[in-house]
Amino acid sequence: MESLLAFDDERGQYLLIKSGWAGNHRLRGTTLHVRLYDGKIWVEEDWTEDGIATELVNQGVPREDIVLAFHPPEVRPLTEFAPA
């Protein structure tokens, strides 16, 4: 498996994609997708071990500036992060 990074600073989109082969089967998937939107950091997808939101908080980003967008909108208020 190969890790591929895609950064689009102009649109505020950042992706970590894994791609490779397992025998005759092509494997690929998005490990991490983060975007900057409406003044917040939206975590669209996160399959990292510890979670990018945890790392951002450890680096000093306030929880209210992070949206766990992979959760449905009705679940987000139940998290310790911004609902939107």
N, C-alpha and C. Protein backbone atom coordinates (compact mmCIF):
# COMPACT_ATOMS: atom_id res chain seq x y z
N MET A 1 0.84 -1.18 0.00
CA MET A 1 0.00 0.00 0.00
C MET A 1 0.88 1.24 0.00
N GLU A 2 0.42 2.22 -0.71
CA GLU A 2 1.13 3.49 -0.80
C GLU A 2 0.22 4.59 -0.24
N SER A 3 0.81 5.49 0.53
CA SER A 3 0.08 6.64 1.05
C SER A 3 0.27 7.82 0.10
N LEU A 4 -0.85 8.42 -0.30
CA LEU A 4 -0.82 9.55 -1.22
C LEU A 4 -1.47 10.75 -0.55
N LEU A 5 -0.83 11.89 -0.64
CA LEU A 5 -1.37 13.12 -0.06
C LEU A 5 -1.88 14.02 -1.17
N ALA A 6 -3.03 14.63 -0.93
CA ALA A 6 -3.58 15.61 -1.86
C ALA A 6 -3.94 16.86 -1.05
N PHE A 7 -3.24 17.94 -1.32
CA PHE A 7 -3.47 19.21 -0.63
C PHE A 7 -3.98 20.22 -1.64
N ASP A 8 -5.10 20.85 -1.35
CA ASP A 8 -5.65 21.90 -2.19
C ASP A 8 -5.87 23.12 -1.30
N ASP A 9 -4.82 23.91 -1.14
CA ASP A 9 -4.88 25.09 -0.27
C ASP A 9 -5.90 26.11 -0.77
N GLU A 10 -6.08 26.22 -2.07
CA GLU A 10 -7.02 27.19 -2.63
C GLU A 10 -8.46 26.90 -2.19
N ARG A 11 -8.81 25.62 -2.10
CA ARG A 11 -10.17 25.23 -1.71
C ARG A 11 -10.26 24.70 -0.29
N GLY A 12 -9.13 24.64 0.41
CA GLY A 12 -9.13 24.16 1.79
C GLY A 12 -9.49 22.70 1.94
N GLN A 13 -8.99 21.86 1.04
CA GLN A 13 -9.26 20.42 1.05
C GLN A 13 -7.95 19.66 1.21
N TYR A 14 -7.95 18.67 2.13
CA TYR A 14 -6.74 17.91 2.41
C TYR A 14 -7.10 16.44 2.57
N LEU A 15 -6.41 15.58 1.82
CA LEU A 15 -6.73 14.16 1.83
C LEU A 15 -5.48 13.30 1.99
N LEU A 16 -5.65 12.19 2.68
CA LEU A 16 -4.66 11.12 2.75
C LEU A 16 -5.34 9.89 2.18
N ILE A 17 -4.80 9.37 1.09
CA ILE A 17 -5.40 8.24 0.38
C ILE A 17 -4.40 7.09 0.40
N LYS A 18 -4.90 5.88 0.63
CA LYS A 18 -4.08 4.67 0.53
C LYS A 18 -4.45 3.98 -0.77
N SER A 19 -3.44 3.48 -1.48
CA SER A 19 -3.68 2.84 -2.76
C SER A 19 -2.66 1.74 -2.95
N GLY A 20 -3.10 0.63 -3.55
CA GLY A 20 -2.16 -0.45 -3.81
C GLY A 20 -2.87 -1.70 -4.30
N TRP A 21 -2.13 -2.80 -4.24
CA TRP A 21 -2.64 -4.07 -4.73
C TRP A 21 -2.50 -5.14 -3.65
N ALA A 22 -3.48 -6.05 -3.62
CA ALA A 22 -3.42 -7.27 -2.80
C ALA A 22 -3.69 -8.41 -3.78
N GLY A 23 -2.63 -9.02 -4.26
CA GLY A 23 -2.78 -10.03 -5.30
C GLY A 23 -3.30 -9.38 -6.56
N ASN A 24 -4.43 -9.85 -7.06
CA ASN A 24 -5.03 -9.29 -8.26
C ASN A 24 -6.10 -8.25 -7.97
N HIS A 25 -6.22 -7.86 -6.71
CA HIS A 25 -7.27 -6.92 -6.32
C HIS A 25 -6.69 -5.54 -6.04
N ARG A 26 -7.29 -4.55 -6.65
CA ARG A 26 -6.90 -3.15 -6.43
C ARG A 26 -7.56 -2.66 -5.15
N LEU A 27 -6.77 -2.10 -4.26
CA LEU A 27 -7.27 -1.55 -3.01
C LEU A 27 -6.99 -0.06 -3.00
N ARG A 28 -7.98 0.71 -2.58
CA ARG A 28 -7.80 2.15 -2.43
C ARG A 28 -8.88 2.67 -1.51
N GLY A 29 -8.57 3.73 -0.84
CA GLY A 29 -9.55 4.32 0.04
C GLY A 29 -9.03 5.59 0.68
N THR A 30 -9.95 6.40 1.11
CA THR A 30 -9.61 7.64 1.78
C THR A 30 -9.40 7.35 3.26
N THR A 31 -8.21 7.62 3.75
CA THR A 31 -7.90 7.46 5.16
C THR A 31 -8.30 8.70 5.94
N LEU A 32 -8.08 9.86 5.34
CA LEU A 32 -8.35 11.12 6.03
C LEU A 32 -8.79 12.17 5.01
N HIS A 33 -9.87 12.87 5.33
CA HIS A 33 -10.32 13.99 4.51
C HIS A 33 -10.71 15.11 5.47
N VAL A 34 -10.01 16.22 5.37
CA VAL A 34 -10.26 17.40 6.20
C VAL A 34 -10.46 18.57 5.27
N ARG A 35 -11.43 19.42 5.61
CA ARG A 35 -11.61 20.64 4.82
C ARG A 35 -11.84 21.82 5.74
N LEU A 36 -11.46 22.98 5.27
CA LEU A 36 -11.70 24.22 5.98
C LEU A 36 -12.94 24.84 5.39
N TYR A 37 -13.95 25.07 6.25
CA TYR A 37 -15.22 25.58 5.76
C TYR A 37 -15.89 26.41 6.84
N ASP A 38 -16.36 27.58 6.48
CA ASP A 38 -17.13 28.44 7.38
C ASP A 38 -16.38 28.71 8.70
N GLY A 39 -15.05 28.88 8.59
CA GLY A 39 -14.24 29.22 9.75
C GLY A 39 -13.93 28.06 10.69
N LYS A 40 -14.26 26.84 10.27
CA LYS A 40 -14.02 25.67 11.12
C LYS A 40 -13.27 24.60 10.33
N ILE A 41 -12.74 23.64 11.06
CA ILE A 41 -12.07 22.48 10.48
C ILE A 41 -13.09 21.35 10.46
N TRP A 42 -13.48 20.90 9.27
CA TRP A 42 -14.47 19.84 9.10
C TRP A 42 -13.74 18.53 8.82
N VAL A 43 -13.85 17.58 9.73
CA VAL A 43 -13.26 16.27 9.54
C VAL A 43 -14.32 15.42 8.83
N GLU A 44 -14.16 15.26 7.53
CA GLU A 44 -15.13 14.56 6.70
C GLU A 44 -15.00 13.05 6.81
N GLU A 45 -13.77 12.58 6.94
CA GLU A 45 -13.51 11.15 7.09
C GLU A 45 -12.20 11.01 7.85
N ASP A 46 -12.17 10.03 8.75
CA ASP A 46 -10.96 9.84 9.55
C ASP A 46 -10.85 8.39 9.99
N TRP A 47 -9.93 7.68 9.36
CA TRP A 47 -9.64 6.29 9.71
C TRP A 47 -8.23 6.17 10.30
N THR A 48 -7.71 7.26 10.86
CA THR A 48 -6.41 7.22 11.50
C THR A 48 -6.55 6.59 12.88
N GLU A 49 -5.46 6.12 13.42
CA GLU A 49 -5.49 5.38 14.68
C GLU A 49 -6.01 6.21 15.85
N ASP A 50 -5.47 7.40 16.03
CA ASP A 50 -5.86 8.24 17.18
C ASP A 50 -6.88 9.31 16.83
N GLY A 51 -7.08 9.57 15.56
CA GLY A 51 -8.02 10.59 15.14
C GLY A 51 -7.37 11.95 15.01
N ILE A 52 -7.60 12.60 13.88
CA ILE A 52 -7.00 13.91 13.64
C ILE A 52 -7.57 14.96 14.59
N ALA A 53 -8.84 14.82 14.99
CA ALA A 53 -9.44 15.79 15.92
C ALA A 53 -8.69 15.80 17.24
N THR A 54 -8.33 14.63 17.73
CA THR A 54 -7.57 14.53 18.98
C THR A 54 -6.22 15.21 18.82
N GLU A 55 -5.57 14.97 17.70
CA GLU A 55 -4.26 15.59 17.46
C GLU A 55 -4.38 17.12 17.35
N LEU A 56 -5.43 17.59 16.70
CA LEU A 56 -5.64 19.04 16.59
C LEU A 56 -5.85 19.66 17.97
N VAL A 57 -6.65 19.03 18.81
CA VAL A 57 -6.87 19.52 20.18
C VAL A 57 -5.56 19.52 20.95
N ASN A 58 -4.76 18.45 20.81
CA ASN A 58 -3.46 18.38 21.49
C ASN A 58 -2.52 19.49 21.03
N GLN A 59 -2.73 19.99 19.80
CA GLN A 59 -1.90 21.07 19.27
C GLN A 59 -2.48 22.45 19.57
N GLY A 60 -3.60 22.50 20.33
CA GLY A 60 -4.13 23.77 20.77
C GLY A 60 -5.35 24.29 20.02
N VAL A 61 -5.88 23.52 19.09
CA VAL A 61 -7.08 23.95 18.37
C VAL A 61 -8.29 23.74 19.29
N PRO A 62 -9.11 24.76 19.51
CA PRO A 62 -10.29 24.60 20.36
C PRO A 62 -11.29 23.61 19.76
N ARG A 63 -11.91 22.81 20.61
CA ARG A 63 -12.89 21.82 20.16
C ARG A 63 -14.04 22.46 19.40
N GLU A 64 -14.40 23.69 19.77
CA GLU A 64 -15.51 24.36 19.09
C GLU A 64 -15.16 24.81 17.67
N ASP A 65 -13.89 24.64 17.27
CA ASP A 65 -13.47 24.95 15.90
C ASP A 65 -13.37 23.70 15.03
N ILE A 66 -13.74 22.55 15.58
CA ILE A 66 -13.63 21.27 14.86
C ILE A 66 -15.02 20.65 14.74
N VAL A 67 -15.39 20.29 13.52
CA VAL A 67 -16.68 19.62 13.27
C VAL A 67 -16.38 18.18 12.84
N LEU A 68 -16.98 17.23 13.52
CA LEU A 68 -16.85 15.83 13.12
C LEU A 68 -17.94 15.55 12.08
N ALA A 69 -17.66 15.94 10.85
CA ALA A 69 -18.66 15.90 9.78
C ALA A 69 -19.04 14.49 9.37
N PHE A 70 -18.26 13.49 9.79
CA PHE A 70 -18.62 12.11 9.46
C PHE A 70 -19.79 11.61 10.30
N HIS A 71 -20.15 12.36 11.34
CA HIS A 71 -21.35 12.05 12.13
C HIS A 71 -22.55 12.76 11.51
N PRO A 72 -23.74 12.15 11.56
CA PRO A 72 -24.94 12.83 11.08
C PRO A 72 -25.17 14.13 11.87
N PRO A 73 -25.77 15.14 11.25
CA PRO A 73 -25.98 16.42 11.93
C PRO A 73 -26.69 16.29 13.28
N GLU A 74 -27.62 15.37 13.43
CA GLU A 74 -28.34 15.23 14.70
C GLU A 74 -27.49 14.60 15.80
N VAL A 75 -26.38 13.96 15.44
CA VAL A 75 -25.49 13.34 16.43
C VAL A 75 -24.40 14.32 16.87
N ARG A 76 -24.02 15.23 16.01
CA ARG A 76 -22.90 16.15 16.32
C ARG A 76 -23.06 16.93 17.60
N PRO A 77 -24.25 17.41 17.97
CA PRO A 77 -24.38 18.12 19.25
C PRO A 77 -24.08 17.24 20.48
N LEU A 78 -24.10 15.93 20.30
CA LEU A 78 -23.83 15.01 21.40
C LEU A 78 -22.34 14.74 21.59
N THR A 79 -21.52 15.24 20.64
CA THR A 79 -20.06 15.08 20.76
C THR A 79 -19.50 16.26 21.53
N GLU A 80 -18.24 16.21 21.82
CA GLU A 80 -17.59 17.33 22.54
C GLU A 80 -16.99 18.33 21.55
N PHE A 81 -17.39 18.22 20.29
CA PHE A 81 -16.90 19.13 19.26
C PHE A 81 -18.04 19.98 18.71
N ALA A 82 -17.72 20.89 17.80
CA ALA A 82 -18.74 21.79 17.24
C ALA A 82 -19.78 21.01 16.44
N PRO A 83 -21.07 21.38 16.56
CA PRO A 83 -22.09 20.69 15.77
C PRO A 83 -22.05 21.07 14.30
N ALA A 84 -21.57 22.27 14.00
CA ALA A 84 -21.42 22.74 12.61
C ALA A 84 -20.81 24.12 12.62
